[in-house]
Amino acid sequence: MDRAWAYLERLTSFSHRGSATAGEAAAGQLTRDWLALMGYHVTIQPFATPRDTLYSGPAVVAGGFLFAALAGRWYPWIGLLLCALLLIPLVGEMLGSSRIDLDLLLPRYPSQNVVARSPAGSAAPQRRLVISAHVDTQRASYLFHPAFVPYLQAYFAFVYATLLCVPA
């Protein structure tokens, strides 16, 4: 228990561990080293991901809507088409799609998964335990306050419904 608490203290000492940031990379390395010291076989699975999707994704869509509104002033069908194209990843995000979401509109940066397995040669367990956790953090806002949690669904539905009105 003391080792777990010491690890948690070290992990939370990073100033920010946003996805695909230096802090997240350092936290991943810390996790990898910690698990290796405990005797696990550790591998890194690199992948690319956007940063701060929760904030930058809607900002990109809003900017795109502004551009579409300007284009629509002279070419209404082009403006409407641009709005429809921008709504596709936004609706995908809202519906929880893993293929068509706001990640399509944002640049990607290197990140990693840290995977630990029992050491080779150890007895095969009758049961398999899988532990999953994030070492990255999201920039906080009032959206993450515990008192706001019951209203999140309604809030996002209102925001997205408002964005649906923009093309009109």
N, C-alpha and C. Protein backbone atom coordinates (compact mmCIF):
# COMPACT_ATOMS: atom_id res chain seq x y z
N MET A 1 0.82 -1.19 0.00
CA MET A 1 0.00 0.00 0.00
C MET A 1 0.87 1.26 0.00
N ASP A 2 1.97 1.21 0.74
CA ASP A 2 2.87 2.37 0.79
C ASP A 2 3.46 2.65 -0.59
N ARG A 3 3.80 1.57 -1.32
CA ARG A 3 4.35 1.77 -2.67
C ARG A 3 3.32 2.40 -3.60
N ALA A 4 2.08 1.96 -3.49
CA ALA A 4 1.02 2.52 -4.34
C ALA A 4 0.82 4.00 -4.03
N TRP A 5 0.85 4.36 -2.75
CA TRP A 5 0.68 5.77 -2.37
C TRP A 5 1.86 6.60 -2.87
N ALA A 6 3.07 6.08 -2.74
CA ALA A 6 4.26 6.79 -3.23
C ALA A 6 4.17 6.99 -4.74
N TYR A 7 3.70 5.96 -5.45
CA TYR A 7 3.55 6.09 -6.91
C TYR A 7 2.52 7.17 -7.23
N LEU A 8 1.39 7.16 -6.53
CA LEU A 8 0.35 8.16 -6.77
C LEU A 8 0.87 9.57 -6.51
N GLU A 9 1.65 9.74 -5.46
CA GLU A 9 2.24 11.06 -5.18
C GLU A 9 3.17 11.49 -6.31
N ARG A 10 3.99 10.57 -6.81
CA ARG A 10 4.89 10.92 -7.92
C ARG A 10 4.12 11.23 -9.19
N LEU A 11 3.07 10.45 -9.45
CA LEU A 11 2.26 10.66 -10.65
C LEU A 11 1.57 12.02 -10.62
N THR A 12 1.07 12.42 -9.47
CA THR A 12 0.36 13.70 -9.37
C THR A 12 1.30 14.88 -9.22
N SER A 13 2.59 14.65 -9.18
CA SER A 13 3.54 15.77 -9.08
C SER A 13 3.77 16.46 -10.43
N PHE A 14 3.35 15.82 -11.52
CA PHE A 14 3.48 16.45 -12.84
C PHE A 14 2.48 17.61 -12.92
N SER A 15 2.91 18.73 -13.50
CA SER A 15 2.04 19.90 -13.55
C SER A 15 0.81 19.66 -14.42
N HIS A 16 0.98 19.02 -15.55
CA HIS A 16 -0.15 18.70 -16.43
C HIS A 16 0.21 17.46 -17.23
N ARG A 17 -0.73 16.53 -17.29
CA ARG A 17 -0.50 15.30 -18.02
C ARG A 17 -1.52 15.15 -19.14
N GLY A 18 -1.78 16.22 -19.87
CA GLY A 18 -2.73 16.16 -20.97
C GLY A 18 -2.31 15.14 -22.00
N SER A 19 -3.28 14.61 -22.73
CA SER A 19 -3.00 13.63 -23.77
C SER A 19 -1.93 14.14 -24.71
N ALA A 20 -0.96 13.30 -25.00
CA ALA A 20 0.11 13.58 -25.96
C ALA A 20 0.97 14.77 -25.57
N THR A 21 1.16 14.99 -24.27
CA THR A 21 2.05 16.05 -23.80
C THR A 21 3.30 15.41 -23.18
N ALA A 22 4.28 16.24 -22.89
CA ALA A 22 5.51 15.75 -22.26
C ALA A 22 5.20 15.16 -20.88
N GLY A 23 4.25 15.76 -20.16
CA GLY A 23 3.86 15.24 -18.84
C GLY A 23 3.25 13.86 -18.93
N GLU A 24 2.44 13.63 -19.95
CA GLU A 24 1.85 12.31 -20.12
C GLU A 24 2.93 11.29 -20.49
N ALA A 25 3.87 11.69 -21.34
CA ALA A 25 4.96 10.78 -21.72
C ALA A 25 5.80 10.41 -20.50
N ALA A 26 6.08 11.40 -19.65
CA ALA A 26 6.87 11.14 -18.44
C ALA A 26 6.09 10.23 -17.48
N ALA A 27 4.78 10.46 -17.36
CA ALA A 27 3.96 9.62 -16.50
C ALA A 27 3.91 8.18 -17.04
N GLY A 28 3.86 8.03 -18.36
CA GLY A 28 3.89 6.70 -18.96
C GLY A 28 5.21 6.00 -18.69
N GLN A 29 6.31 6.74 -18.77
CA GLN A 29 7.63 6.17 -18.48
C GLN A 29 7.72 5.77 -17.01
N LEU A 30 7.19 6.62 -16.12
CA LEU A 30 7.16 6.30 -14.69
C LEU A 30 6.38 5.02 -14.44
N THR A 31 5.24 4.89 -15.09
CA THR A 31 4.41 3.70 -14.94
C THR A 31 5.13 2.47 -15.47
N ARG A 32 5.76 2.62 -16.62
CA ARG A 32 6.51 1.50 -17.21
C ARG A 32 7.62 1.04 -16.26
N ASP A 33 8.41 1.98 -15.75
CA ASP A 33 9.51 1.65 -14.84
C ASP A 33 8.99 1.00 -13.56
N TRP A 34 7.91 1.54 -13.03
CA TRP A 34 7.34 1.03 -11.79
C TRP A 34 6.87 -0.41 -11.96
N LEU A 35 6.17 -0.69 -13.05
CA LEU A 35 5.69 -2.05 -13.30
C LEU A 35 6.84 -3.01 -13.57
N ALA A 36 7.87 -2.55 -14.28
CA ALA A 36 9.04 -3.41 -14.54
C ALA A 36 9.76 -3.75 -13.24
N LEU A 37 9.85 -2.79 -12.32
CA LEU A 37 10.47 -3.06 -11.03
C LEU A 37 9.70 -4.11 -10.24
N MET A 38 8.41 -4.20 -10.47
CA MET A 38 7.59 -5.20 -9.77
C MET A 38 7.68 -6.56 -10.45
N GLY A 39 8.42 -6.64 -11.58
CA GLY A 39 8.65 -7.93 -12.22
C GLY A 39 7.77 -8.22 -13.42
N TYR A 40 6.97 -7.27 -13.84
CA TYR A 40 6.11 -7.49 -15.00
C TYR A 40 6.89 -7.27 -16.30
N HIS A 41 6.44 -7.97 -17.35
CA HIS A 41 6.98 -7.75 -18.68
C HIS A 41 6.17 -6.58 -19.26
N VAL A 42 6.84 -5.46 -19.54
CA VAL A 42 6.14 -4.24 -19.93
C VAL A 42 6.44 -3.91 -21.39
N THR A 43 5.39 -3.59 -22.14
CA THR A 43 5.54 -3.13 -23.52
C THR A 43 4.81 -1.80 -23.67
N ILE A 44 5.27 -1.04 -24.64
CA ILE A 44 4.65 0.24 -24.96
C ILE A 44 3.96 0.10 -26.31
N GLN A 45 2.70 0.55 -26.38
CA GLN A 45 1.95 0.57 -27.64
C GLN A 45 1.79 2.03 -28.06
N PRO A 46 2.60 2.49 -29.01
CA PRO A 46 2.46 3.89 -29.43
C PRO A 46 1.25 4.09 -30.32
N PHE A 47 0.67 5.26 -30.24
CA PHE A 47 -0.44 5.65 -31.13
C PHE A 47 -0.47 7.18 -31.18
N ALA A 48 -1.26 7.71 -32.09
CA ALA A 48 -1.38 9.16 -32.23
C ALA A 48 -2.78 9.59 -31.79
N THR A 49 -2.85 10.72 -31.10
CA THR A 49 -4.12 11.21 -30.58
C THR A 49 -4.14 12.73 -30.54
N PRO A 50 -5.31 13.34 -30.63
CA PRO A 50 -5.39 14.80 -30.48
C PRO A 50 -5.18 15.21 -29.02
N ARG A 51 -4.92 16.48 -28.82
CA ARG A 51 -4.80 17.05 -27.48
C ARG A 51 -6.08 17.80 -27.13
N ASP A 52 -6.52 17.68 -25.91
CA ASP A 52 -7.66 18.45 -25.38
C ASP A 52 -8.85 18.47 -26.33
N THR A 53 -9.29 17.31 -26.77
CA THR A 53 -10.40 17.20 -27.72
C THR A 53 -11.66 17.87 -27.20
N LEU A 54 -11.89 17.79 -25.91
CA LEU A 54 -13.12 18.33 -25.33
C LEU A 54 -13.27 19.82 -25.61
N TYR A 55 -12.16 20.53 -25.69
CA TYR A 55 -12.22 21.97 -25.91
C TYR A 55 -11.86 22.36 -27.34
N SER A 56 -10.83 21.76 -27.89
CA SER A 56 -10.38 22.15 -29.23
C SER A 56 -11.32 21.65 -30.33
N GLY A 57 -11.94 20.50 -30.15
CA GLY A 57 -12.87 19.97 -31.15
C GLY A 57 -14.04 20.90 -31.41
N PRO A 58 -14.80 21.26 -30.36
CA PRO A 58 -15.90 22.21 -30.58
C PRO A 58 -15.43 23.57 -31.09
N ALA A 59 -14.23 24.01 -30.69
CA ALA A 59 -13.72 25.29 -31.19
C ALA A 59 -13.47 25.23 -32.69
N VAL A 60 -12.92 24.11 -33.17
CA VAL A 60 -12.68 23.95 -34.60
C VAL A 60 -14.01 23.92 -35.36
N VAL A 61 -15.00 23.22 -34.80
CA VAL A 61 -16.31 23.16 -35.45
C VAL A 61 -16.94 24.55 -35.49
N ALA A 62 -16.87 25.29 -34.38
CA ALA A 62 -17.44 26.65 -34.35
C ALA A 62 -16.76 27.55 -35.38
N GLY A 63 -15.44 27.46 -35.49
CA GLY A 63 -14.71 28.23 -36.51
C GLY A 63 -15.13 27.82 -37.91
N GLY A 64 -15.33 26.52 -38.10
CA GLY A 64 -15.79 26.03 -39.39
C GLY A 64 -17.19 26.54 -39.74
N PHE A 65 -18.06 26.59 -38.72
CA PHE A 65 -19.41 27.13 -38.95
C PHE A 65 -19.35 28.61 -39.33
N LEU A 66 -18.45 29.34 -38.70
CA LEU A 66 -18.30 30.76 -39.04
C LEU A 66 -17.87 30.91 -40.50
N PHE A 67 -16.89 30.09 -40.89
CA PHE A 67 -16.43 30.10 -42.29
C PHE A 67 -17.57 29.71 -43.23
N ALA A 68 -18.34 28.69 -42.84
CA ALA A 68 -19.46 28.24 -43.67
C ALA A 68 -20.52 29.34 -43.79
N ALA A 69 -20.76 30.06 -42.71
CA ALA A 69 -21.73 31.16 -42.76
C ALA A 69 -21.26 32.25 -43.71
N LEU A 70 -19.96 32.55 -43.68
CA LEU A 70 -19.42 33.56 -44.60
C LEU A 70 -19.52 33.07 -46.05
N ALA A 71 -19.17 31.82 -46.28
CA ALA A 71 -19.26 31.27 -47.64
C ALA A 71 -20.72 31.21 -48.09
N GLY A 72 -21.62 30.91 -47.15
CA GLY A 72 -23.03 30.80 -47.47
C GLY A 72 -23.67 32.13 -47.85
N ARG A 73 -23.04 33.20 -47.46
CA ARG A 73 -23.57 34.53 -47.82
C ARG A 73 -23.57 34.71 -49.34
N TRP A 74 -22.52 34.20 -49.99
CA TRP A 74 -22.41 34.33 -51.45
C TRP A 74 -22.81 33.06 -52.19
N TYR A 75 -22.55 31.92 -51.55
CA TYR A 75 -22.85 30.62 -52.16
C TYR A 75 -23.63 29.77 -51.14
N PRO A 76 -24.93 29.96 -51.02
CA PRO A 76 -25.72 29.29 -49.97
C PRO A 76 -25.56 27.78 -49.92
N TRP A 77 -25.54 27.11 -51.07
CA TRP A 77 -25.43 25.65 -51.07
C TRP A 77 -24.07 25.18 -50.55
N ILE A 78 -23.04 25.94 -50.85
CA ILE A 78 -21.70 25.58 -50.34
C ILE A 78 -21.67 25.76 -48.82
N GLY A 79 -22.24 26.86 -48.33
CA GLY A 79 -22.31 27.07 -46.89
C GLY A 79 -23.07 25.98 -46.18
N LEU A 80 -24.19 25.58 -46.76
CA LEU A 80 -25.00 24.51 -46.17
C LEU A 80 -24.26 23.18 -46.20
N LEU A 81 -23.58 22.89 -47.29
CA LEU A 81 -22.81 21.66 -47.41
C LEU A 81 -21.68 21.62 -46.38
N LEU A 82 -20.97 22.74 -46.21
CA LEU A 82 -19.89 22.81 -45.21
C LEU A 82 -20.44 22.58 -43.81
N CYS A 83 -21.59 23.18 -43.50
CA CYS A 83 -22.21 22.97 -42.18
C CYS A 83 -22.55 21.49 -41.97
N ALA A 84 -23.12 20.87 -43.00
CA ALA A 84 -23.47 19.45 -42.88
C ALA A 84 -22.23 18.59 -42.66
N LEU A 85 -21.16 18.89 -43.39
CA LEU A 85 -19.91 18.13 -43.22
C LEU A 85 -19.33 18.32 -41.83
N LEU A 86 -19.46 19.52 -41.25
CA LEU A 86 -18.95 19.77 -39.90
C LEU A 86 -19.81 19.07 -38.85
N LEU A 87 -21.08 18.90 -39.14
CA LEU A 87 -21.96 18.25 -38.16
C LEU A 87 -21.71 16.76 -38.05
N ILE A 88 -21.20 16.14 -39.10
CA ILE A 88 -20.99 14.68 -39.09
C ILE A 88 -20.06 14.26 -37.94
N PRO A 89 -18.85 14.82 -37.82
CA PRO A 89 -18.00 14.40 -36.70
C PRO A 89 -18.55 14.85 -35.34
N LEU A 90 -19.27 15.96 -35.32
CA LEU A 90 -19.85 16.43 -34.06
C LEU A 90 -20.93 15.47 -33.57
N VAL A 91 -21.80 15.03 -34.46
CA VAL A 91 -22.84 14.06 -34.10
C VAL A 91 -22.20 12.72 -33.75
N GLY A 92 -21.16 12.33 -34.49
CA GLY A 92 -20.44 11.10 -34.16
C GLY A 92 -19.86 11.15 -32.75
N GLU A 93 -19.31 12.29 -32.37
CA GLU A 93 -18.78 12.48 -31.01
C GLU A 93 -19.89 12.32 -29.99
N MET A 94 -21.03 12.94 -30.26
CA MET A 94 -22.16 12.91 -29.33
C MET A 94 -22.70 11.49 -29.18
N LEU A 95 -22.68 10.71 -30.26
CA LEU A 95 -23.19 9.34 -30.23
C LEU A 95 -22.16 8.33 -29.75
N GLY A 96 -20.93 8.78 -29.52
CA GLY A 96 -19.89 7.88 -29.02
C GLY A 96 -19.22 7.05 -30.09
N SER A 97 -19.24 7.50 -31.33
CA SER A 97 -18.59 6.77 -32.41
C SER A 97 -17.08 6.81 -32.22
N SER A 98 -16.42 5.72 -32.50
CA SER A 98 -14.96 5.70 -32.42
C SER A 98 -14.31 5.91 -33.79
N ARG A 99 -15.13 5.99 -34.85
CA ARG A 99 -14.59 6.17 -36.20
C ARG A 99 -14.85 7.55 -36.75
N ILE A 100 -16.03 8.08 -36.49
CA ILE A 100 -16.38 9.39 -37.01
C ILE A 100 -16.67 10.29 -35.82
N ASP A 101 -15.66 11.04 -35.39
CA ASP A 101 -15.82 11.94 -34.26
C ASP A 101 -14.93 13.17 -34.45
N LEU A 102 -14.82 14.00 -33.44
CA LEU A 102 -14.06 15.24 -33.55
C LEU A 102 -12.57 14.99 -33.82
N ASP A 103 -12.09 13.80 -33.52
CA ASP A 103 -10.68 13.49 -33.78
C ASP A 103 -10.32 13.63 -35.26
N LEU A 104 -11.32 13.52 -36.13
CA LEU A 104 -11.07 13.67 -37.57
C LEU A 104 -10.61 15.08 -37.93
N LEU A 105 -10.98 16.06 -37.13
CA LEU A 105 -10.70 17.46 -37.45
C LEU A 105 -9.45 18.01 -36.78
N LEU A 106 -8.83 17.24 -35.93
CA LEU A 106 -7.74 17.75 -35.10
C LEU A 106 -6.41 17.08 -35.43
N PRO A 107 -5.32 17.83 -35.29
CA PRO A 107 -4.00 17.20 -35.48
C PRO A 107 -3.73 16.17 -34.39
N ARG A 108 -2.93 15.19 -34.74
CA ARG A 108 -2.60 14.11 -33.80
C ARG A 108 -1.14 14.19 -33.38
N TYR A 109 -0.89 13.73 -32.16
CA TYR A 109 0.44 13.77 -31.57
C TYR A 109 0.74 12.41 -30.95
N PRO A 110 2.02 12.10 -30.76
CA PRO A 110 2.37 10.78 -30.22
C PRO A 110 1.92 10.60 -28.77
N SER A 111 1.40 9.42 -28.48
CA SER A 111 1.02 9.01 -27.14
C SER A 111 1.34 7.53 -27.01
N GLN A 112 0.96 6.91 -25.90
CA GLN A 112 1.26 5.49 -25.73
C GLN A 112 0.36 4.85 -24.71
N ASN A 113 0.18 3.54 -24.87
CA ASN A 113 -0.40 2.69 -23.83
C ASN A 113 0.76 1.95 -23.19
N VAL A 114 0.65 1.70 -21.90
CA VAL A 114 1.63 0.89 -21.17
C VAL A 114 0.92 -0.41 -20.82
N VAL A 115 1.48 -1.53 -21.29
CA VAL A 115 0.86 -2.83 -21.07
C VAL A 115 1.81 -3.70 -20.26
N ALA A 116 1.32 -4.25 -19.17
CA ALA A 116 2.14 -5.11 -18.31
C ALA A 116 1.54 -6.51 -18.28
N ARG A 117 2.40 -7.50 -18.41
CA ARG A 117 1.97 -8.90 -18.37
C ARG A 117 2.81 -9.63 -17.35
N SER A 118 2.25 -10.74 -16.85
CA SER A 118 3.01 -11.56 -15.91
C SER A 118 4.31 -11.99 -16.55
N PRO A 119 5.36 -12.11 -15.78
CA PRO A 119 6.65 -12.51 -16.35
C PRO A 119 6.57 -13.88 -17.01
N ALA A 120 7.37 -14.05 -18.06
CA ALA A 120 7.43 -15.34 -18.76
C ALA A 120 7.86 -16.41 -17.77
N GLY A 121 7.26 -17.57 -17.89
CA GLY A 121 7.63 -18.68 -17.02
C GLY A 121 6.81 -18.74 -15.74
N SER A 122 6.03 -17.70 -15.45
CA SER A 122 5.20 -17.77 -14.24
C SER A 122 4.00 -18.67 -14.52
N ALA A 123 3.46 -19.24 -13.48
CA ALA A 123 2.33 -20.16 -13.62
C ALA A 123 1.15 -19.41 -14.23
N ALA A 124 0.47 -20.05 -15.16
CA ALA A 124 -0.70 -19.44 -15.79
C ALA A 124 -1.82 -19.34 -14.76
N PRO A 125 -2.34 -18.16 -14.57
CA PRO A 125 -3.40 -18.00 -13.56
C PRO A 125 -4.71 -18.62 -14.03
N GLN A 126 -5.52 -19.09 -13.07
CA GLN A 126 -6.83 -19.61 -13.43
C GLN A 126 -7.76 -18.48 -13.82
N ARG A 127 -7.52 -17.32 -13.26
CA ARG A 127 -8.29 -16.13 -13.59
C ARG A 127 -7.34 -15.05 -14.07
N ARG A 128 -7.82 -14.25 -14.97
CA ARG A 128 -6.99 -13.17 -15.50
C ARG A 128 -7.52 -11.85 -14.95
N LEU A 129 -6.63 -11.03 -14.44
CA LEU A 129 -6.98 -9.72 -13.91
C LEU A 129 -6.49 -8.66 -14.87
N VAL A 130 -7.37 -7.78 -15.29
CA VAL A 130 -7.01 -6.69 -16.19
C VAL A 130 -7.28 -5.38 -15.45
N ILE A 131 -6.27 -4.55 -15.37
CA ILE A 131 -6.40 -3.24 -14.73
C ILE A 131 -6.16 -2.19 -15.79
N SER A 132 -7.05 -1.24 -15.89
CA SER A 132 -6.92 -0.19 -16.89
C SER A 132 -7.00 1.15 -16.19
N ALA A 133 -6.14 2.07 -16.61
CA ALA A 133 -6.14 3.40 -16.00
C ALA A 133 -5.57 4.41 -16.98
N HIS A 134 -5.91 5.65 -16.78
CA HIS A 134 -5.34 6.74 -17.57
C HIS A 134 -4.23 7.40 -16.77
N VAL A 135 -3.12 7.67 -17.43
CA VAL A 135 -2.09 8.49 -16.77
C VAL A 135 -2.16 9.92 -17.30
N ASP A 136 -3.03 10.14 -18.31
CA ASP A 136 -3.20 11.51 -18.80
C ASP A 136 -4.36 12.17 -18.07
N THR A 137 -4.41 13.47 -18.15
CA THR A 137 -5.48 14.24 -17.50
C THR A 137 -6.07 15.20 -18.50
N GLN A 138 -7.29 15.60 -18.26
CA GLN A 138 -7.98 16.59 -19.10
C GLN A 138 -7.94 17.93 -18.36
N ARG A 139 -7.81 19.01 -19.10
CA ARG A 139 -7.89 20.32 -18.47
C ARG A 139 -9.27 20.43 -17.85
N ALA A 140 -9.31 20.86 -16.61
CA ALA A 140 -10.57 20.90 -15.87
C ALA A 140 -11.34 22.19 -16.12
N SER A 141 -12.63 22.10 -15.94
CA SER A 141 -13.51 23.26 -15.98
C SER A 141 -14.69 22.93 -15.08
N TYR A 142 -15.68 23.80 -15.04
CA TYR A 142 -16.86 23.51 -14.22
C TYR A 142 -17.62 22.29 -14.72
N LEU A 143 -17.37 21.89 -15.97
CA LEU A 143 -18.01 20.68 -16.47
C LEU A 143 -17.62 19.46 -15.65
N PHE A 144 -16.47 19.52 -14.98
CA PHE A 144 -15.97 18.37 -14.22
C PHE A 144 -16.28 18.46 -12.73
N HIS A 145 -16.99 19.50 -12.31
CA HIS A 145 -17.36 19.61 -10.90
C HIS A 145 -18.40 18.55 -10.57
N PRO A 146 -18.23 17.84 -9.46
CA PRO A 146 -19.18 16.76 -9.13
C PRO A 146 -20.65 17.22 -9.09
N ALA A 147 -20.90 18.45 -8.69
CA ALA A 147 -22.28 18.93 -8.62
C ALA A 147 -22.91 19.09 -10.01
N PHE A 148 -22.09 19.19 -11.06
CA PHE A 148 -22.61 19.39 -12.41
C PHE A 148 -22.88 18.08 -13.14
N VAL A 149 -22.38 16.98 -12.63
CA VAL A 149 -22.50 15.68 -13.29
C VAL A 149 -23.94 15.32 -13.67
N PRO A 150 -24.93 15.52 -12.81
CA PRO A 150 -26.30 15.16 -13.20
C PRO A 150 -26.83 15.96 -14.40
N TYR A 151 -26.21 17.09 -14.72
CA TYR A 151 -26.69 17.95 -15.80
C TYR A 151 -25.87 17.84 -17.08
N LEU A 152 -24.84 17.00 -17.09
CA LEU A 152 -23.96 16.90 -18.27
C LEU A 152 -24.71 16.50 -19.53
N GLN A 153 -25.54 15.48 -19.45
CA GLN A 153 -26.26 15.00 -20.63
C GLN A 153 -27.13 16.11 -21.21
N ALA A 154 -27.87 16.80 -20.36
CA ALA A 154 -28.74 17.88 -20.83
C ALA A 154 -27.90 19.03 -21.39
N TYR A 155 -26.79 19.32 -20.74
CA TYR A 155 -25.91 20.41 -21.21
C TYR A 155 -25.40 20.12 -22.62
N PHE A 156 -24.87 18.93 -22.83
CA PHE A 156 -24.33 18.60 -24.15
C PHE A 156 -25.44 18.53 -25.20
N ALA A 157 -26.61 18.02 -24.83
CA ALA A 157 -27.73 17.99 -25.78
C ALA A 157 -28.11 19.42 -26.18
N PHE A 158 -28.14 20.34 -25.22
CA PHE A 158 -28.46 21.74 -25.52
C PHE A 158 -27.41 22.36 -26.44
N VAL A 159 -26.14 22.14 -26.13
CA VAL A 159 -25.05 22.72 -26.95
C VAL A 159 -25.11 22.19 -28.37
N TYR A 160 -25.26 20.88 -28.52
CA TYR A 160 -25.28 20.30 -29.86
C TYR A 160 -26.54 20.71 -30.61
N ALA A 161 -27.68 20.80 -29.91
CA ALA A 161 -28.90 21.25 -30.57
C ALA A 161 -28.74 22.69 -31.05
N THR A 162 -28.07 23.51 -30.25
CA THR A 162 -27.81 24.89 -30.65
C THR A 162 -26.93 24.92 -31.90
N LEU A 163 -25.93 24.06 -31.94
CA LEU A 163 -25.07 24.01 -33.13
C LEU A 163 -25.84 23.53 -34.35
N LEU A 164 -26.82 22.67 -34.16
CA LEU A 164 -27.64 22.22 -35.29
C LEU A 164 -28.43 23.38 -35.90
N CYS A 165 -28.72 24.39 -35.10
CA CYS A 165 -29.48 25.55 -35.58
C CYS A 165 -28.62 26.50 -36.42
N VAL A 166 -27.31 26.40 -36.29
CA VAL A 166 -26.43 27.33 -37.01
C VAL A 166 -26.64 27.30 -38.53
N PRO A 167 -26.70 26.11 -39.15
CA PRO A 167 -26.90 26.15 -40.61
C PRO A 167 -28.18 26.88 -41.03
N ALA A 168 -29.22 26.76 -40.21
CA ALA A 168 -30.47 27.45 -40.54
C ALA A 168 -30.27 28.95 -40.49
